[in-house]
Amino acid sequence: MMEMTNEKYDEDYRKLEFLKSTNKKLHIKIIAGADKGLFRNGFILDISLDKGCLVFVDDVLKELPYLFEEVDIPGIKFYTDGKEVNKND
C-alpha cells in the first residue's frame, strides 16, 4: 500500500475536522480494507492525526473505525436523502 505523507495526512485531517465541525450528516465511500466498495452515512465522532484514523458513527452499524487511507476523503459529501427539490427549476 502507498505510504501517506505527513502533508497528505495534514490535508486529510483538516478536511475531516471541518466536516466534523459542521455537525451535518455525511456520506462516505470506503475504498480499502474489509468494507471496500461500501458506503456509510452518519457523522464523524473522533479523528486522530497521530494514528491516521477516524471513528465514524454509521446510522445502522454505529461506531466504526477507519484509517484515513480506507476512506475516499476528497469524495466525502454531505448526506442527502434524495427528497430535496431543486429550486432552480
C-alpha atoms as a PDB file:
ATOM      1  CA  MET A   1       0.000   0.000   0.000  1.00  0.00           C
ATOM      2  CA  MET A   2       1.199   3.509  -0.732  1.00  0.00           C
ATOM      3  CA  GLU A   3       2.747   5.325   2.232  1.00  0.00           C
ATOM      4  CA  MET A   4       0.906   8.505   3.129  1.00  0.00           C
ATOM      5  CA  THR A   5       2.967  11.673   3.514  1.00  0.00           C
ATOM      6  CA  ASN A   6       2.662  13.960   6.513  1.00  0.00           C
ATOM      7  CA  GLU A   7       1.410  16.709   4.206  1.00  0.00           C
ATOM      8  CA  LYS A   8      -1.358  14.449   2.862  1.00  0.00           C
ATOM      9  CA  TYR A   9      -2.285  13.382   6.416  1.00  0.00           C
ATOM     10  CA  ASP A  10      -2.458  17.038   7.485  1.00  0.00           C
ATOM     11  CA  GLU A  11      -4.648  17.911   4.492  1.00  0.00           C
ATOM     12  CA  ASP A  12      -6.985  14.980   5.173  1.00  0.00           C
ATOM     13  CA  TYR A  13      -7.092  15.810   8.874  1.00  0.00           C
ATOM     14  CA  ARG A  14      -8.042  19.453   8.211  1.00  0.00           C
ATOM     15  CA  LYS A  15     -10.848  18.400   5.853  1.00  0.00           C
ATOM     16  CA  LEU A  16     -12.141  15.820   8.349  1.00  0.00           C
ATOM     17  CA  GLU A  17     -12.044  18.352  11.198  1.00  0.00           C
ATOM     18  CA  PHE A  18     -14.019  20.815   9.073  1.00  0.00           C
ATOM     19  CA  LEU A  19     -16.621  18.194   8.150  1.00  0.00           C
ATOM     20  CA  LYS A  20     -16.917  17.110  11.789  1.00  0.00           C
ATOM     21  CA  SER A  21     -17.390  20.737  12.892  1.00  0.00           C
ATOM     22  CA  THR A  22     -20.399  21.211  10.595  1.00  0.00           C
ATOM     23  CA  ASN A  23     -22.420  18.644  12.607  1.00  0.00           C
ATOM     24  CA  LYS A  24     -24.051  17.606   9.334  1.00  0.00           C
ATOM     25  CA  LYS A  25     -24.687  14.024   8.266  1.00  0.00           C
ATOM     26  CA  LEU A  26     -22.063  12.735   5.822  1.00  0.00           C
ATOM     27  CA  HIS A  27     -21.932  10.168   3.011  1.00  0.00           C
ATOM     28  CA  ILE A  28     -18.569   8.411   2.761  1.00  0.00           C
ATOM     29  CA  LYS A  29     -17.199   5.749   0.415  1.00  0.00           C
ATOM     30  CA  ILE A  30     -14.851   3.078   1.735  1.00  0.00           C
ATOM     31  CA  ILE A  31     -12.042   2.431  -0.769  1.00  0.00           C
ATOM     32  CA  ALA A  32      -9.858  -0.104   1.086  1.00  0.00           C
ATOM     33  CA  GLY A  33      -9.936  -2.656   3.871  1.00  0.00           C
ATOM     34  CA  ALA A  34     -12.694  -5.080   4.861  1.00  0.00           C
ATOM     35  CA  ASP A  35     -15.507  -2.652   3.898  1.00  0.00           C
ATOM     36  CA  LYS A  36     -14.025  -1.727   0.475  1.00  0.00           C
ATOM     37  CA  GLY A  37     -16.702  -0.675  -2.012  1.00  0.00           C
ATOM     38  CA  LEU A  38     -19.313   0.126   0.638  1.00  0.00           C
ATOM     39  CA  PHE A  39     -20.883   3.444   1.595  1.00  0.00           C
ATOM     40  CA  ARG A  40     -21.627   4.757   5.065  1.00  0.00           C
ATOM     41  CA  ASN A  41     -23.998   7.518   6.191  1.00  0.00           C
ATOM     42  CA  GLY A  42     -23.546   9.242   9.516  1.00  0.00           C
ATOM     43  CA  PHE A  43     -21.224  11.505  11.486  1.00  0.00           C
ATOM     44  CA  ILE A  44     -17.535  11.749  12.366  1.00  0.00           C
ATOM     45  CA  LEU A  45     -17.187  11.138  16.112  1.00  0.00           C
ATOM     46  CA  ASP A  46     -13.428  11.405  16.515  1.00  0.00           C
ATOM     47  CA  ILE A  47     -10.278  11.939  14.457  1.00  0.00           C
ATOM     48  CA  SER A  48      -6.688  11.030  15.323  1.00  0.00           C
ATOM     49  CA  LEU A  49      -3.926  12.640  13.294  1.00  0.00           C
ATOM     50  CA  ASP A  50      -1.272  10.617  15.175  1.00  0.00           C
ATOM     51  CA  LYS A  51      -2.933   7.312  14.301  1.00  0.00           C
ATOM     52  CA  GLY A  52      -4.237   8.455  10.895  1.00  0.00           C
ATOM     53  CA  CYS A  53      -7.732   7.223  11.668  1.00  0.00           C
ATOM     54  CA  LEU A  54     -11.257   8.351  12.365  1.00  0.00           C
ATOM     55  CA  VAL A  55     -14.277   6.968  14.155  1.00  0.00           C
ATOM     56  CA  PHE A  56     -17.435   7.189  12.060  1.00  0.00           C
ATOM     57  CA  VAL A  57     -20.891   6.741  13.594  1.00  0.00           C
ATOM     58  CA  ASP A  58     -22.920   4.966  10.927  1.00  0.00           C
ATOM     59  CA  ASP A  59     -26.739   5.130  11.031  1.00  0.00           C
ATOM     60  CA  VAL A  60     -27.048   1.345  11.148  1.00  0.00           C
ATOM     61  CA  LEU A  61     -23.720  -0.091  12.322  1.00  0.00           C
ATOM     62  CA  LYS A  62     -22.914   2.611  14.908  1.00  0.00           C
ATOM     63  CA  GLU A  63     -19.228   3.351  15.712  1.00  0.00           C
ATOM     64  CA  LEU A  64     -16.753   2.198  13.045  1.00  0.00           C
ATOM     65  CA  PRO A  65     -13.007   2.934  12.994  1.00  0.00           C
ATOM     66  CA  TYR A  66     -11.350   3.637   9.636  1.00  0.00           C
ATOM     67  CA  LEU A  67      -7.804   4.528   8.635  1.00  0.00           C
ATOM     68  CA  PHE A  68      -7.536   7.686   6.517  1.00  0.00           C
ATOM     69  CA  GLU A  69      -6.436   5.614   3.513  1.00  0.00           C
ATOM     70  CA  GLU A  70      -9.555   3.421   3.776  1.00  0.00           C
ATOM     71  CA  VAL A  71     -11.883   6.372   3.150  1.00  0.00           C
ATOM     72  CA  ASP A  72     -12.289   8.443  -0.027  1.00  0.00           C
ATOM     73  CA  ILE A  73     -11.711  11.663   1.916  1.00  0.00           C
ATOM     74  CA  PRO A  74     -11.789  14.022  -1.115  1.00  0.00           C
ATOM     75  CA  GLY A  75     -15.087  12.381  -2.132  1.00  0.00           C
ATOM     76  CA  ILE A  76     -16.906  12.853   1.195  1.00  0.00           C
ATOM     77  CA  LYS A  77     -20.243  14.582   0.635  1.00  0.00           C
ATOM     78  CA  PHE A  78     -22.984  15.915   2.836  1.00  0.00           C
ATOM     79  CA  TYR A  79     -25.743  13.305   3.042  1.00  0.00           C
ATOM     80  CA  THR A  80     -28.961  13.920   1.127  1.00  0.00           C
ATOM     81  CA  ASP A  81     -31.977  11.628   1.145  1.00  0.00           C
ATOM     82  CA  GLY A  82     -32.835  12.428  -2.478  1.00  0.00           C
ATOM     83  CA  LYS A  83     -36.055  14.227  -1.499  1.00  0.00           C
ATOM     84  CA  GLU A  84     -34.716  17.750  -1.917  1.00  0.00           C
ATOM     85  CA  VAL A  85     -36.414  19.777  -4.625  1.00  0.00           C
ATOM     86  CA  ASN A  86     -34.209  21.742  -6.999  1.00  0.00           C
ATOM     87  CA  LYS A  87     -35.429  25.300  -6.534  1.00  0.00           C
ATOM     88  CA  ASN A  88     -33.594  26.486  -9.646  1.00  0.00           C
ATOM     89  CA  ASP A  89     -36.091  24.772 -11.970  1.00  0.00           C
END
